């Protein structure tokens, strides 16, 4: 049974859907972005990215770049 991540005030959340084989790539990019945010894999390629509100623009840029990269990869 899947339990949703506990996300509260002060965090922004972006939901992203990627291919299952791309989850490790997304995790690696987020981890390389030292301290930007955290990733929760809900099921397969259904991801939740969360970051502090102060980093919402940086998280949006990261998501945009990831989606561009993954779309070019397909």
PDB file of N, CA and C in Angstrom:
ATOM      1  N   UNK A   1       0.845  -1.177   0.000  1.00  0.00           N
ATOM      2  CA  UNK A   1       0.000   0.000   0.000  1.00  0.00           C
ATOM      3  C   UNK A   1       0.888   1.238   0.000  1.00  0.00           C
ATOM      4  N   UNK A   2       0.617   2.144  -0.915  1.00  0.00           N
ATOM      5  CA  UNK A   2       1.393   3.369  -1.051  1.00  0.00           C
ATOM      6  C   UNK A   2       0.905   4.411  -0.057  1.00  0.00           C
ATOM      7  N   UNK A   3       1.851   5.064   0.608  1.00  0.00           N
ATOM      8  CA  UNK A   3       1.525   6.129   1.550  1.00  0.00           C
ATOM      9  C   UNK A   3       2.042   7.434   0.965  1.00  0.00           C
ATOM     10  N   UNK A   4       1.186   8.449   0.812  1.00  0.00           N
ATOM     11  CA  UNK A   4       1.652   9.715   0.241  1.00  0.00           C
ATOM     12  C   UNK A   4       2.681  10.372   1.159  1.00  0.00           C
ATOM     13  N   UNK A   5       3.631  11.104   0.571  1.00  0.00           N
ATOM     14  CA  UNK A   5       4.631  11.784   1.396  1.00  0.00           C
ATOM     15  C   UNK A   5       3.990  12.844   2.280  1.00  0.00           C
ATOM     16  N   UNK A   6       4.561  13.041   3.449  1.00  0.00           N
ATOM     17  CA  UNK A   6       4.078  14.083   4.352  1.00  0.00           C
ATOM     18  C   UNK A   6       4.732  15.400   3.963  1.00  0.00           C
ATOM     19  N   UNK A   7       3.968  16.246   3.330  1.00  0.00           N
ATOM     20  CA  UNK A   7       4.468  17.537   2.883  1.00  0.00           C
ATOM     21  C   UNK A   7       3.639  18.608   3.563  1.00  0.00           C
ATOM     22  N   UNK A   8       4.307  19.604   4.087  1.00  0.00           N
ATOM     23  CA  UNK A   8       3.580  20.606   4.839  1.00  0.00           C
ATOM     24  C   UNK A   8       3.887  22.014   4.408  1.00  0.00           C
ATOM     25  N   UNK A   9       3.528  22.940   5.258  1.00  0.00           N
ATOM     26  CA  UNK A   9       3.755  24.354   4.977  1.00  0.00           C
ATOM     27  C   UNK A   9       5.236  24.635   4.748  1.00  0.00           C
ATOM     28  N   UNK A  10       5.488  25.573   3.858  1.00  0.00           N
ATOM     29  CA  UNK A  10       6.867  25.962   3.585  1.00  0.00           C
ATOM     30  C   UNK A  10       7.495  25.196   2.438  1.00  0.00           C
ATOM     31  N   UNK A  11       6.745  24.242   1.864  1.00  0.00           N
ATOM     32  CA  UNK A  11       7.260  23.457   0.738  1.00  0.00           C
ATOM     33  C   UNK A  11       6.409  23.669  -0.499  1.00  0.00           C
ATOM     34  N   UNK A  12       7.061  23.640  -1.645  1.00  0.00           N
ATOM     35  CA  UNK A  12       6.350  23.621  -2.924  1.00  0.00           C
ATOM     36  C   UNK A  12       6.507  22.216  -3.496  1.00  0.00           C
ATOM     37  N   UNK A  13       5.513  21.785  -4.231  1.00  0.00           N
ATOM     38  CA  UNK A  13       5.494  20.422  -4.759  1.00  0.00           C
ATOM     39  C   UNK A  13       5.255  20.466  -6.256  1.00  0.00           C
ATOM     40  N   UNK A  14       6.001  19.652  -6.973  1.00  0.00           N
ATOM     41  CA  UNK A  14       5.789  19.481  -8.413  1.00  0.00           C
ATOM     42  C   UNK A  14       5.614  17.995  -8.682  1.00  0.00           C
ATOM     43  N   UNK A  15       4.534  17.642  -9.335  1.00  0.00           N
ATOM     44  CA  UNK A  15       4.296  16.243  -9.708  1.00  0.00           C
ATOM     45  C   UNK A  15       4.765  16.065 -11.139  1.00  0.00           C
ATOM     46  N   UNK A  16       5.538  15.000 -11.359  1.00  0.00           N
ATOM     47  CA  UNK A  16       6.125  14.739 -12.668  1.00  0.00           C
ATOM     48  C   UNK A  16       5.903  13.275 -12.998  1.00  0.00           C
ATOM     49  N   UNK A  17       5.569  13.014 -14.235  1.00  0.00           N
ATOM     50  CA  UNK A  17       5.399  11.645 -14.695  1.00  0.00           C
ATOM     51  C   UNK A  17       6.466  11.354 -15.753  1.00  0.00           C
ATOM     52  N   UNK A  18       7.319  10.357 -15.474  1.00  0.00           N
ATOM     53  CA  UNK A  18       8.379   9.968 -16.400  1.00  0.00           C
ATOM     54  C   UNK A  18       8.317   8.455 -16.607  1.00  0.00           C
ATOM     55  N   UNK A  19       9.050   7.978 -17.594  1.00  0.00           N
ATOM     56  CA  UNK A  19       9.133   6.535 -17.796  1.00  0.00           C
ATOM     57  C   UNK A  19       9.860   5.920 -16.599  1.00  0.00           C
ATOM     58  N   UNK A  20       9.502   4.716 -16.256  1.00  0.00           N
ATOM     59  CA  UNK A  20      10.115   4.036 -15.105  1.00  0.00           C
ATOM     60  C   UNK A  20      11.637   4.030 -15.203  1.00  0.00           C
ATOM     61  N   UNK A  21      12.154   3.820 -16.398  1.00  0.00           N
ATOM     62  CA  UNK A  21      13.606   3.747 -16.570  1.00  0.00           C
ATOM     63  C   UNK A  21      14.290   5.109 -16.399  1.00  0.00           C
ATOM     64  N   UNK A  22      13.517   6.191 -16.351  1.00  0.00           N
ATOM     65  CA  UNK A  22      14.094   7.527 -16.179  1.00  0.00           C
ATOM     66  C   UNK A  22      14.100   8.007 -14.723  1.00  0.00           C
ATOM     67  N   UNK A  23      13.502   7.238 -13.823  1.00  0.00           N
ATOM     68  CA  UNK A  23      13.427   7.643 -12.419  1.00  0.00           C
ATOM     69  C   UNK A  23      14.820   7.814 -11.818  1.00  0.00           C
ATOM     70  N   UNK A  24      15.720   6.882 -12.098  1.00  0.00           N
ATOM     71  CA  UNK A  24      17.078   6.956 -11.553  1.00  0.00           C
ATOM     72  C   UNK A  24      17.796   8.191 -12.086  1.00  0.00           C
ATOM     73  N   UNK A  25      17.576   8.525 -13.350  1.00  0.00           N
ATOM     74  CA  UNK A  25      18.181   9.723 -13.932  1.00  0.00           C
ATOM     75  C   UNK A  25      17.680  10.975 -13.205  1.00  0.00           C
ATOM     76  N   UNK A  26      16.372  11.069 -13.002  1.00  0.00           N
ATOM     77  CA  UNK A  26      15.797  12.228 -12.321  1.00  0.00           C
ATOM     78  C   UNK A  26      16.352  12.326 -10.899  1.00  0.00           C
ATOM     79  N   UNK A  27      16.411  11.204 -10.200  1.00  0.00           N
ATOM     80  CA  UNK A  27      16.949  11.204  -8.836  1.00  0.00           C
ATOM     81  C   UNK A  27      18.402  11.692  -8.827  1.00  0.00           C
ATOM     82  N   UNK A  28      19.193  11.215  -9.781  1.00  0.00           N
ATOM     83  CA  UNK A  28      20.593  11.627  -9.859  1.00  0.00           C
ATOM     84  C   UNK A  28      20.751  13.117 -10.099  1.00  0.00           C
ATOM     85  N   UNK A  29      19.938  13.662 -10.992  1.00  0.00           N
ATOM     86  CA  UNK A  29      20.005  15.095 -11.281  1.00  0.00           C
ATOM     87  C   UNK A  29      19.599  15.898 -10.043  1.00  0.00           C
ATOM     88  N   UNK A  30      18.544  15.472  -9.371  1.00  0.00           N
ATOM     89  CA  UNK A  30      18.101  16.194  -8.179  1.00  0.00           C
ATOM     90  C   UNK A  30      19.156  16.117  -7.074  1.00  0.00           C
ATOM     91  N   UNK A  31      19.742  14.954  -6.875  1.00  0.00           N
ATOM     92  CA  UNK A  31      20.779  14.819  -5.850  1.00  0.00           C
ATOM     93  C   UNK A  31      22.015  15.652  -6.189  1.00  0.00           C
ATOM     94  N   UNK A  32      22.322  15.788  -7.472  1.00  0.00           N
ATOM     95  CA  UNK A  32      23.466  16.607  -7.889  1.00  0.00           C
ATOM     96  C   UNK A  32      23.189  18.097  -7.696  1.00  0.00           C
ATOM     97  N   UNK A  33      21.936  18.448  -7.515  1.00  0.00           N
ATOM     98  CA  UNK A  33      21.549  19.847  -7.304  1.00  0.00           C
ATOM     99  C   UNK A  33      21.566  20.188  -5.819  1.00  0.00           C
ATOM    100  N   UNK A  34      22.482  19.649  -5.120  1.00  0.00           N
ATOM    101  CA  UNK A  34      22.715  19.768  -3.684  1.00  0.00           C
ATOM    102  C   UNK A  34      21.753  20.661  -2.908  1.00  0.00           C
ATOM    103  N   UNK A  35      20.840  20.025  -2.232  1.00  0.00           N
ATOM    104  CA  UNK A  35      19.955  20.740  -1.333  1.00  0.00           C
ATOM    105  C   UNK A  35      18.742  21.391  -1.965  1.00  0.00           C
ATOM    106  N   UNK A  36      18.570  21.224  -3.268  1.00  0.00           N
ATOM    107  CA  UNK A  36      17.430  21.859  -3.926  1.00  0.00           C
ATOM    108  C   UNK A  36      16.119  21.269  -3.441  1.00  0.00           C
ATOM    109  N   UNK A  37      16.039  19.960  -3.402  1.00  0.00           N
ATOM    110  CA  UNK A  37      14.778  19.352  -3.008  1.00  0.00           C
ATOM    111  C   UNK A  37      14.912  17.870  -2.798  1.00  0.00           C
ATOM    112  N   UNK A  38      13.757  17.227  -2.708  1.00  0.00           N
ATOM    113  CA  UNK A  38      13.697  15.798  -2.450  1.00  0.00           C
ATOM    114  C   UNK A  38      12.695  15.166  -3.408  1.00  0.00           C
ATOM    115  N   UNK A  39      12.914  13.900  -3.698  1.00  0.00           N
ATOM    116  CA  UNK A  39      12.069  13.183  -4.634  1.00  0.00           C
ATOM    117  C   UNK A  39      11.364  12.049  -3.915  1.00  0.00           C
ATOM    118  N   UNK A  40      10.089  11.893  -4.199  1.00  0.00           N
ATOM    119  CA  UNK A  40       9.304  10.766  -3.731  1.00  0.00           C
ATOM    120  C   UNK A  40       8.769  10.051  -4.962  1.00  0.00           C
ATOM    121  N   UNK A  41       8.993   8.754  -5.044  1.00  0.00           N
ATOM    122  CA  UNK A  41       8.437   7.955  -6.137  1.00  0.00           C
ATOM    123  C   UNK A  41       7.173   7.304  -5.611  1.00  0.00           C
ATOM    124  N   UNK A  42       6.038   7.695  -6.172  1.00  0.00           N
ATOM    125  CA  UNK A  42       4.771   7.159  -5.676  1.00  0.00           C
ATOM    126  C   UNK A  42       4.485   5.786  -6.270  1.00  0.00           C
ATOM    127  N   UNK A  43       4.593   5.679  -7.574  1.00  0.00           N
ATOM    128  CA  UNK A  43       4.356   4.399  -8.243  1.00  0.00           C
ATOM    129  C   UNK A  43       4.961   4.493  -9.629  1.00  0.00           C
ATOM    130  N   UNK A  44       5.867   3.583  -9.929  1.00  0.00           N
ATOM    131  CA  UNK A  44       6.507   3.608 -11.245  1.00  0.00           C
ATOM    132  C   UNK A  44       7.179   4.945 -11.487  1.00  0.00           C
ATOM    133  N   UNK A  45       6.769   5.628 -12.538  1.00  0.00           N
ATOM    134  CA  UNK A  45       7.363   6.904 -12.903  1.00  0.00           C
ATOM    135  C   UNK A  45       6.603   8.110 -12.400  1.00  0.00           C
ATOM    136  N   UNK A  46       5.647   7.897 -11.500  1.00  0.00           N
ATOM    137  CA  UNK A  46       4.889   9.009 -10.921  1.00  0.00           C
ATOM    138  C   UNK A  46       5.700   9.576  -9.758  1.00  0.00           C
ATOM    139  N   UNK A  47       6.245  10.757  -9.944  1.00  0.00           N
ATOM    140  CA  UNK A  47       7.153  11.343  -8.966  1.00  0.00           C
ATOM    141  C   UNK A  47       6.577  12.597  -8.337  1.00  0.00           C
ATOM    142  N   UNK A  48       7.004  12.855  -7.117  1.00  0.00           N
ATOM    143  CA  UNK A  48       6.701  14.101  -6.426  1.00  0.00           C
ATOM    144  C   UNK A  48       8.042  14.724  -6.065  1.00  0.00           C
ATOM    145  N   UNK A  49       8.270  15.946  -6.543  1.00  0.00           N
ATOM    146  CA  UNK A  49       9.470  16.696  -6.196  1.00  0.00           C
ATOM    147  C   UNK A  49       9.036  17.803  -5.242  1.00  0.00           C
ATOM    148  N   UNK A  50       9.750  17.942  -4.135  1.00  0.00           N
ATOM    149  CA  UNK A  50       9.407  18.961  -3.148  1.00  0.00           C
ATOM    150  C   UNK A  50      10.651  19.775  -2.812  1.00  0.00           C
ATOM    151  N   UNK A  51      10.438  21.062  -2.562  1.00  0.00           N
ATOM    152  CA  UNK A  51      11.535  21.967  -2.224  1.00  0.00           C
ATOM    153  C   UNK A  51      10.996  23.071  -1.319  1.00  0.00           C
ATOM    154  N   UNK A  52      11.885  23.740  -0.590  1.00  0.00           N
ATOM    155  CA  UNK A  52      11.446  24.888   0.212  1.00  0.00           C
ATOM    156  C   UNK A  52      10.866  25.975  -0.696  1.00  0.00           C
ATOM    157  N   UNK A  53       9.890  26.711  -0.185  1.00  0.00           N
ATOM    158  CA  UNK A  53       9.245  27.776  -0.969  1.00  0.00           C
ATOM    159  C   UNK A  53      10.249  28.754  -1.559  1.00  0.00           C
ATOM    160  N   UNK A  54      11.314  29.023  -0.848  1.00  0.00           N
ATOM    161  CA  UNK A  54      12.321  29.984  -1.317  1.00  0.00           C
ATOM    162  C   UNK A  54      13.031  29.501  -2.580  1.00  0.00           C
ATOM    163  N   UNK A  55      12.934  28.203  -2.871  1.00  0.00           N
ATOM    164  CA  UNK A  55      13.615  27.637  -4.038  1.00  0.00           C
ATOM    165  C   UNK A  55      12.635  27.228  -5.139  1.00  0.00           C
ATOM    166  N   UNK A  56      11.416  27.781  -5.104  1.00  0.00           N
ATOM    167  CA  UNK A  56      10.417  27.359  -6.078  1.00  0.00           C
ATOM    168  C   UNK A  56      10.824  27.640  -7.525  1.00  0.00           C
ATOM    169  N   UNK A  57      11.454  28.777  -7.778  1.00  0.00           N
ATOM    170  CA  UNK A  57      11.893  29.083  -9.152  1.00  0.00           C
ATOM    171  C   UNK A  57      12.981  28.118  -9.609  1.00  0.00           C
ATOM    172  N   UNK A  58      13.901  27.782  -8.714  1.00  0.00           N
ATOM    173  CA  UNK A  58      14.966  26.835  -9.057  1.00  0.00           C
ATOM    174  C   UNK A  58      14.390  25.448  -9.321  1.00  0.00           C
ATOM    175  N   UNK A  59      13.388  25.052  -8.546  1.00  0.00           N
ATOM    176  CA  UNK A  59      12.748  23.758  -8.771  1.00  0.00           C
ATOM    177  C   UNK A  59      12.027  23.744 -10.118  1.00  0.00           C
ATOM    178  N   UNK A  60      11.327  24.820 -10.442  1.00  0.00           N
ATOM    179  CA  UNK A  60      10.648  24.906 -11.736  1.00  0.00           C
ATOM    180  C   UNK A  60      11.643  24.827 -12.891  1.00  0.00           C
ATOM    181  N   UNK A  61      12.773  25.500 -12.764  1.00  0.00           N
ATOM    182  CA  UNK A  61      13.808  25.444 -13.811  1.00  0.00           C
ATOM    183  C   UNK A  61      14.343  24.026 -13.959  1.00  0.00           C
ATOM    184  N   UNK A  62      14.570  23.356 -12.838  1.00  0.00           N
ATOM    185  CA  UNK A  62      15.065  21.986 -12.885  1.00  0.00           C
ATOM    186  C   UNK A  62      14.059  21.072 -13.572  1.00  0.00           C
ATOM    187  N   UNK A  63      12.787  21.200 -13.216  1.00  0.00           N
ATOM    188  CA  UNK A  63      11.742  20.374 -13.825  1.00  0.00           C
ATOM    189  C   UNK A  63      11.665  20.645 -15.326  1.00  0.00           C
ATOM    190  N   UNK A  64      11.702  21.904 -15.721  1.00  0.00           N
ATOM    191  CA  UNK A  64      11.672  22.252 -17.145  1.00  0.00           C
ATOM    192  C   UNK A  64      12.850  21.626 -17.887  1.00  0.00           C
ATOM    193  N   UNK A  65      14.048  21.747 -17.309  1.00  0.00           N
ATOM    194  CA  UNK A  65      15.243  21.181 -17.937  1.00  0.00           C
ATOM    195  C   UNK A  65      15.157  19.660 -18.023  1.00  0.00           C
ATOM    196  N   UNK A  66      14.671  19.030 -16.967  1.00  0.00           N
ATOM    197  CA  UNK A  66      14.532  17.569 -16.977  1.00  0.00           C
ATOM    198  C   UNK A  66      13.568  17.115 -18.061  1.00  0.00           C
ATOM    199  N   UNK A  67      12.432  17.778 -18.145  1.00  0.00           N
ATOM    200  CA  UNK A  67      11.441  17.377 -19.142  1.00  0.00           C
ATOM    201  C   UNK A  67      11.946  17.591 -20.563  1.00  0.00           C
ATOM    202  N   UNK A  68      12.682  18.672 -20.788  1.00  0.00           N
ATOM    203  CA  UNK A  68      13.278  18.901 -22.107  1.00  0.00           C
ATOM    204  C   UNK A  68      14.257  17.793 -22.435  1.00  0.00           C
ATOM    205  N   UNK A  69      15.117  17.448 -21.481  1.00  0.00           N
ATOM    206  CA  UNK A  69      16.113  16.404 -21.670  1.00  0.00           C
ATOM    207  C   UNK A  69      15.456  15.054 -21.952  1.00  0.00           C
ATOM    208  N   UNK A  70      14.436  14.734 -21.180  1.00  0.00           N
ATOM    209  CA  UNK A  70      13.773  13.437 -21.339  1.00  0.00           C
ATOM    210  C   UNK A  70      12.971  13.377 -22.637  1.00  0.00           C
ATOM    211  N   UNK A  71      12.414  14.495 -23.063  1.00  0.00           N
ATOM    212  CA  UNK A  71      11.666  14.511 -24.331  1.00  0.00           C
ATOM    213  C   UNK A  71      12.624  14.343 -25.513  1.00  0.00           C
ATOM    214  N   UNK A  72      13.816  14.918 -25.430  1.00  0.00           N
ATOM    215  CA  UNK A  72      14.810  14.786 -26.487  1.00  0.00           C
ATOM    216  C   UNK A  72      15.383  13.377 -26.534  1.00  0.00           C
ATOM    217  N   UNK A  73      15.366  12.703 -25.383  1.00  0.00           N
ATOM    218  CA  UNK A  73      15.904  11.357 -25.266  1.00  0.00           C
ATOM    219  C   UNK A  73      14.977  10.320 -25.919  1.00  0.00           C
ATOM    220  N   UNK A  74      13.681  10.609 -25.914  1.00  0.00           N
ATOM    221  CA  UNK A  74      12.682   9.651 -26.410  1.00  0.00           C
ATOM    222  C   UNK A  74      12.746   9.467 -27.901  1.00  0.00           C
TER     223      UNK A  74
END
